[in-house]
């Protein structure tokens, strides 16, 4: 049973997850530990969330039932080599939130068959609305599955997928928030052109997009079914929709995904 969790790394994503877990009451802050080389990050998380600060990455590897690797991928070789004996002795559930690094890659630095889970959250974890996916190096015990899903449900949604789908997931879930932000900003700027102040226009645009996404998830209706419900014959919505299609919105989105997938394959 997982009673304690330790984060090695206290950056933006780790911070978002810790805050979400504490806010949701998923774990007692006393059972959450963090270690980052930047002492200021440790202090801030302790002050804001009431969690404990570990003295080192090795301390977390030795004492925690679950170890979250929340450092940049470039740090994995040295970090895992340094803590692998402690991990082997403790045998915790290991969760990596590093982009682009497979469970096989992580396991290659360890000297035992570890229970490694790869999770890909996105930036919207900061608002408790992330889309996350996970896979594991070997079949998970039910208690571990429940723990992982509970942990990341604290910051949004999470689904299991095959590891071969992770590059595509990272593109459509990891990159797409930037595309959505761009769309929201473009919508707001268009409103500014017609006389609305930017702050009001951003609030309206962001809420409209948020509500639209929520309706798709909760209604089970296909996006085009909802589009048809909004488009009155000869109305303003169908006029704007036709303009978007004329400008190649669908094609532009596909090209953005294709470009990101191609770039990911070269990293």
Protein backbone atom coordinates (compact mmCIF):
# COMPACT_ATOMS: atom_id res chain seq x y z
CA UNK A 1 0.00 0.00 0.00
CA UNK A 2 1.34 3.41 -0.95
CA UNK A 3 1.44 5.71 2.04
CA UNK A 4 4.23 8.10 1.10
CA UNK A 5 5.20 9.81 -2.15
CA UNK A 6 8.38 11.69 -2.96
CA UNK A 7 9.03 14.10 -5.83
CA UNK A 8 12.56 14.38 -7.12
CA UNK A 9 12.30 17.77 -8.75
CA UNK A 10 10.05 20.63 -7.72
CA UNK A 11 9.50 22.48 -10.98
CA UNK A 12 6.29 23.67 -12.60
CA UNK A 13 4.72 20.27 -13.29
CA UNK A 14 5.70 18.73 -9.96
CA UNK A 15 4.40 21.84 -8.22
CA UNK A 16 1.08 21.64 -10.09
CA UNK A 17 0.66 17.96 -9.19
CA UNK A 18 1.54 18.48 -5.52
CA UNK A 19 -0.86 21.41 -5.21
CA UNK A 20 -3.62 19.45 -6.92
CA UNK A 21 -3.13 16.40 -4.72
CA UNK A 22 -3.20 18.50 -1.55
CA UNK A 23 -6.17 20.54 -2.75
CA UNK A 24 -8.14 17.38 -3.60
CA UNK A 25 -7.26 15.78 -0.26
CA UNK A 26 -5.91 12.70 -2.06
CA UNK A 27 -2.93 12.48 0.32
CA UNK A 28 -2.01 13.99 3.64
CA UNK A 29 0.66 16.69 3.11
CA UNK A 30 2.73 15.06 5.87
CA UNK A 31 3.17 12.04 3.57
CA UNK A 32 4.38 14.06 0.59
CA UNK A 33 8.11 14.80 0.20
CA UNK A 34 10.05 16.88 -2.29
CA UNK A 35 13.68 17.43 -3.12
CA UNK A 36 14.95 19.94 -5.66
CA UNK A 37 18.46 21.26 -6.07
CA UNK A 38 16.90 24.73 -5.90
CA UNK A 39 16.25 25.27 -2.20
CA UNK A 40 13.82 28.10 -2.94
CA UNK A 41 11.49 25.69 -4.75
CA UNK A 42 11.55 23.33 -1.79
CA UNK A 43 10.79 26.16 0.64
CA UNK A 44 7.95 27.51 -1.49
CA UNK A 45 6.23 24.13 -1.76
CA UNK A 46 6.63 23.53 1.95
CA UNK A 47 5.15 26.92 2.79
CA UNK A 48 2.29 26.73 0.29
CA UNK A 49 1.32 23.06 0.67
CA UNK A 50 2.59 21.98 4.08
CA UNK A 51 4.64 19.11 2.65
CA UNK A 52 8.03 17.87 3.86
CA UNK A 53 11.40 18.64 2.30
CA UNK A 54 13.87 15.79 1.90
CA UNK A 55 17.59 16.28 2.33
CA UNK A 56 18.46 14.51 -0.92
CA UNK A 57 17.17 12.46 -3.83
CA UNK A 58 18.60 9.39 -2.11
CA UNK A 59 16.45 10.05 0.96
CA UNK A 60 13.33 9.99 -1.20
CA UNK A 61 14.48 6.81 -2.96
CA UNK A 62 15.07 5.16 0.42
CA UNK A 63 11.92 6.13 2.31
CA UNK A 64 9.02 6.73 -0.11
CA UNK A 65 6.57 4.10 -1.39
CA UNK A 66 6.23 6.02 -4.64
CA UNK A 67 9.01 8.05 -6.27
CA UNK A 68 8.12 10.62 -8.93
CA UNK A 69 10.93 11.53 -11.31
CA UNK A 70 10.18 15.17 -12.12
CA UNK A 71 13.55 16.28 -13.45
CA UNK A 72 14.57 17.09 -17.00
CA UNK A 73 15.37 13.99 -19.10
CA UNK A 74 19.01 15.06 -19.46
CA UNK A 75 19.43 14.48 -15.71
CA UNK A 76 18.22 10.85 -15.76
CA UNK A 77 21.55 9.07 -16.34
CA UNK A 78 23.36 10.68 -13.41
CA UNK A 79 20.33 10.75 -11.09
CA UNK A 80 19.27 7.14 -11.62
CA UNK A 81 22.84 5.86 -11.37
CA UNK A 82 23.18 7.73 -8.07
CA UNK A 83 19.97 6.43 -6.47
CA UNK A 84 19.56 2.99 -8.03
CA UNK A 85 20.90 1.02 -5.05
CA UNK A 86 18.44 2.82 -2.77
CA UNK A 87 15.62 2.17 -5.24
CA UNK A 88 16.54 -1.49 -5.47
CA UNK A 89 16.51 -1.88 -1.69
CA UNK A 90 13.22 -0.01 -1.21
CA UNK A 91 11.53 -1.12 -4.49
CA UNK A 92 9.05 1.78 -4.73
CA UNK A 93 6.59 2.44 -7.53
CA UNK A 94 8.52 4.74 -9.89
CA UNK A 95 6.60 7.35 -11.87
CA UNK A 96 8.32 9.37 -14.58
CA UNK A 97 6.70 12.53 -15.96
CA UNK A 98 9.60 13.25 -18.32
CA UNK A 99 8.72 13.75 -21.97
CA UNK A 100 10.20 11.45 -24.58
CA UNK A 101 11.78 8.86 -22.28
CA UNK A 102 10.39 5.33 -22.38
CA UNK A 103 10.05 2.94 -19.46
CA UNK A 104 12.73 0.82 -21.14
CA UNK A 105 15.10 3.79 -21.24
CA UNK A 106 14.54 4.53 -17.54
CA UNK A 107 14.96 0.87 -16.62
CA UNK A 108 18.29 0.71 -18.47
CA UNK A 109 19.89 2.78 -15.70
CA UNK A 110 18.64 0.51 -12.92
CA UNK A 111 20.12 -2.79 -11.78
CA UNK A 112 16.84 -4.55 -11.01
CA UNK A 113 13.42 -5.02 -12.61
CA UNK A 114 11.69 -1.94 -11.29
CA UNK A 115 7.98 -1.15 -11.44
CA UNK A 116 8.13 1.89 -13.72
CA UNK A 117 5.14 3.95 -14.81
CA UNK A 118 5.35 6.63 -17.44
CA UNK A 119 2.85 9.48 -17.13
CA UNK A 120 2.44 12.38 -19.52
CA UNK A 121 0.52 15.32 -18.03
CA UNK A 122 0.09 18.68 -19.73
CA UNK A 123 0.36 22.29 -18.61
CA UNK A 124 -3.34 22.50 -17.74
CA UNK A 125 -2.52 20.58 -14.56
CA UNK A 126 -1.88 24.07 -13.17
CA UNK A 127 -5.64 24.64 -13.36
CA UNK A 128 -6.64 21.12 -12.33
CA UNK A 129 -7.71 20.38 -15.90
CA UNK A 130 -4.84 18.33 -17.35
CA UNK A 131 -5.16 15.53 -19.85
CA UNK A 132 -2.79 12.76 -18.78
CA UNK A 133 -1.92 9.30 -20.08
CA UNK A 134 0.01 6.46 -18.52
CA UNK A 135 1.63 3.12 -19.30
CA UNK A 136 3.81 0.77 -17.28
CA UNK A 137 6.87 -1.40 -17.74
CA UNK A 138 4.97 -4.44 -16.46
CA UNK A 139 1.38 -5.25 -15.41
CA UNK A 140 0.30 -3.12 -12.47
CA UNK A 141 -1.23 -4.36 -9.25
CA UNK A 142 -4.74 -2.99 -8.82
CA UNK A 143 -3.66 -0.88 -5.86
CA UNK A 144 -1.01 0.79 -8.02
CA UNK A 145 -3.48 1.42 -10.83
CA UNK A 146 -5.92 2.95 -8.35
CA UNK A 147 -3.16 5.09 -6.85
CA UNK A 148 -1.93 6.43 -10.19
CA UNK A 149 -5.41 7.22 -11.43
CA UNK A 150 -6.36 8.86 -8.13
CA UNK A 151 -3.14 10.87 -8.05
CA UNK A 152 -3.57 12.34 -11.53
CA UNK A 153 -7.32 12.70 -11.32
CA UNK A 154 -6.41 15.31 -8.71
CA UNK A 155 -5.13 17.49 -11.55
CA UNK A 156 -7.47 16.50 -14.38
CA UNK A 157 -8.17 13.34 -16.37
CA UNK A 158 -5.97 10.30 -16.99
CA UNK A 159 -6.27 7.33 -19.32
CA UNK A 160 -4.09 4.25 -19.97
CA UNK A 161 -2.60 3.97 -23.47
CA UNK A 162 0.03 1.82 -25.14
CA UNK A 163 3.52 3.26 -24.90
CA UNK A 164 3.77 3.28 -28.70
CA UNK A 165 1.04 5.94 -28.66
CA UNK A 166 2.91 8.27 -26.31
CA UNK A 167 4.60 10.35 -29.03
CA UNK A 168 1.21 11.08 -30.62
CA UNK A 169 -0.40 11.70 -27.24
CA UNK A 170 2.31 14.20 -26.36
CA UNK A 171 1.50 16.09 -29.56
CA UNK A 172 -2.29 16.19 -29.32
CA UNK A 173 -2.40 16.69 -25.54
CA UNK A 174 0.94 18.32 -24.79
CA UNK A 175 1.18 20.73 -27.73
CA UNK A 176 -2.49 21.50 -28.28
CA UNK A 177 -2.94 23.79 -25.26
CA UNK A 178 -0.67 26.25 -27.07
CA UNK A 179 -2.88 26.01 -30.15
CA UNK A 180 -5.98 26.57 -28.00
CA UNK A 181 -4.37 29.58 -26.32
CA UNK A 182 -3.57 30.97 -29.75
CA UNK A 183 -7.17 30.50 -30.92
CA UNK A 184 -8.55 32.14 -27.77
CA UNK A 185 -6.21 35.10 -28.17
CA UNK A 186 -7.06 35.47 -31.88
CA UNK A 187 -10.78 35.43 -31.03
CA UNK A 188 -10.26 38.09 -28.38
CA UNK A 189 -8.15 40.29 -30.67
CA UNK A 190 -10.86 40.09 -33.32
CA UNK A 191 -13.32 41.34 -30.69
CA UNK A 192 -10.93 44.18 -29.82
CA UNK A 193 -10.95 45.17 -33.49
CA UNK A 194 -14.71 45.63 -33.18
CA UNK A 195 -14.50 47.76 -30.03
CA UNK A 196 -14.37 45.44 -26.99
CA UNK A 197 -11.58 45.80 -24.40
CA UNK A 198 -9.03 42.97 -24.39
CA UNK A 199 -9.59 41.76 -20.82
CA UNK A 200 -13.32 41.31 -21.32
CA UNK A 201 -12.80 39.71 -24.72
CA UNK A 202 -10.30 37.21 -23.29
CA UNK A 203 -12.63 36.24 -20.46
CA UNK A 204 -15.51 35.67 -22.86
CA UNK A 205 -13.40 33.76 -25.39
CA UNK A 206 -11.71 31.53 -22.81
CA UNK A 207 -14.98 30.64 -21.08
CA UNK A 208 -16.64 29.90 -24.42
CA UNK A 209 -13.83 27.48 -25.36
CA UNK A 210 -13.83 25.93 -21.88
CA UNK A 211 -17.57 25.35 -22.01
CA UNK A 212 -17.37 23.91 -25.52
CA UNK A 213 -14.76 21.35 -24.47
CA UNK A 214 -16.77 20.48 -21.36
CA UNK A 215 -19.92 19.90 -23.42
CA UNK A 216 -18.11 17.51 -25.79
CA UNK A 217 -16.76 15.49 -22.86
CA UNK A 218 -20.00 15.38 -20.92
CA UNK A 219 -22.64 15.11 -23.64
CA UNK A 220 -21.09 12.31 -25.66
CA UNK A 221 -22.20 14.11 -28.81
CA UNK A 222 -19.93 14.37 -31.82
CA UNK A 223 -18.46 17.85 -32.40
CA UNK A 224 -20.23 18.15 -35.75
CA UNK A 225 -23.57 17.31 -34.12
CA UNK A 226 -23.00 20.23 -31.76
CA UNK A 227 -21.89 22.44 -34.65
CA UNK A 228 -25.17 21.72 -36.43
CA UNK A 229 -27.07 22.69 -33.27
CA UNK A 230 -25.36 26.10 -33.20
CA UNK A 231 -25.64 26.85 -36.92
CA UNK A 232 -29.01 28.33 -37.75
CA UNK A 233 -29.85 28.51 -41.49
CA UNK A 234 -28.54 31.76 -42.89
CA UNK A 235 -27.23 32.78 -39.46
CA UNK A 236 -24.04 34.34 -38.15
CA UNK A 237 -22.41 31.09 -36.98
CA UNK A 238 -22.62 29.29 -40.32
CA UNK A 239 -21.25 32.42 -42.00
CA UNK A 240 -18.22 32.47 -39.70
CA UNK A 241 -17.78 28.69 -39.98
CA UNK A 242 -17.72 28.91 -43.78
CA UNK A 243 -15.03 31.58 -43.52
CA UNK A 244 -12.91 29.34 -41.28
CA UNK A 245 -13.26 26.48 -43.73
CA UNK A 246 -12.36 28.74 -46.65
CA UNK A 247 -9.22 29.77 -44.77
CA UNK A 248 -8.26 26.12 -44.24
CA UNK A 249 -8.69 25.68 -40.48
CA UNK A 250 -8.90 21.86 -40.69
CA UNK A 251 -5.85 21.70 -42.93
CA UNK A 252 -3.87 24.07 -40.69
CA UNK A 253 -4.59 21.94 -37.60
CA UNK A 254 -3.58 18.73 -39.40
CA UNK A 255 -0.37 20.36 -40.59
CA UNK A 256 0.41 21.51 -37.04
CA UNK A 257 -0.03 17.95 -35.73
CA UNK A 258 2.00 16.49 -38.61
CA UNK A 259 4.84 18.98 -38.01
CA UNK A 260 4.92 18.26 -34.27
CA UNK A 261 4.87 14.47 -34.84
CA UNK A 262 7.75 14.78 -37.32
CA UNK A 263 9.74 16.93 -34.90
CA UNK A 264 9.10 14.48 -32.05
CA UNK A 265 10.46 11.61 -34.15
CA UNK A 266 13.79 13.46 -34.51
CA UNK A 267 14.30 14.30 -30.82
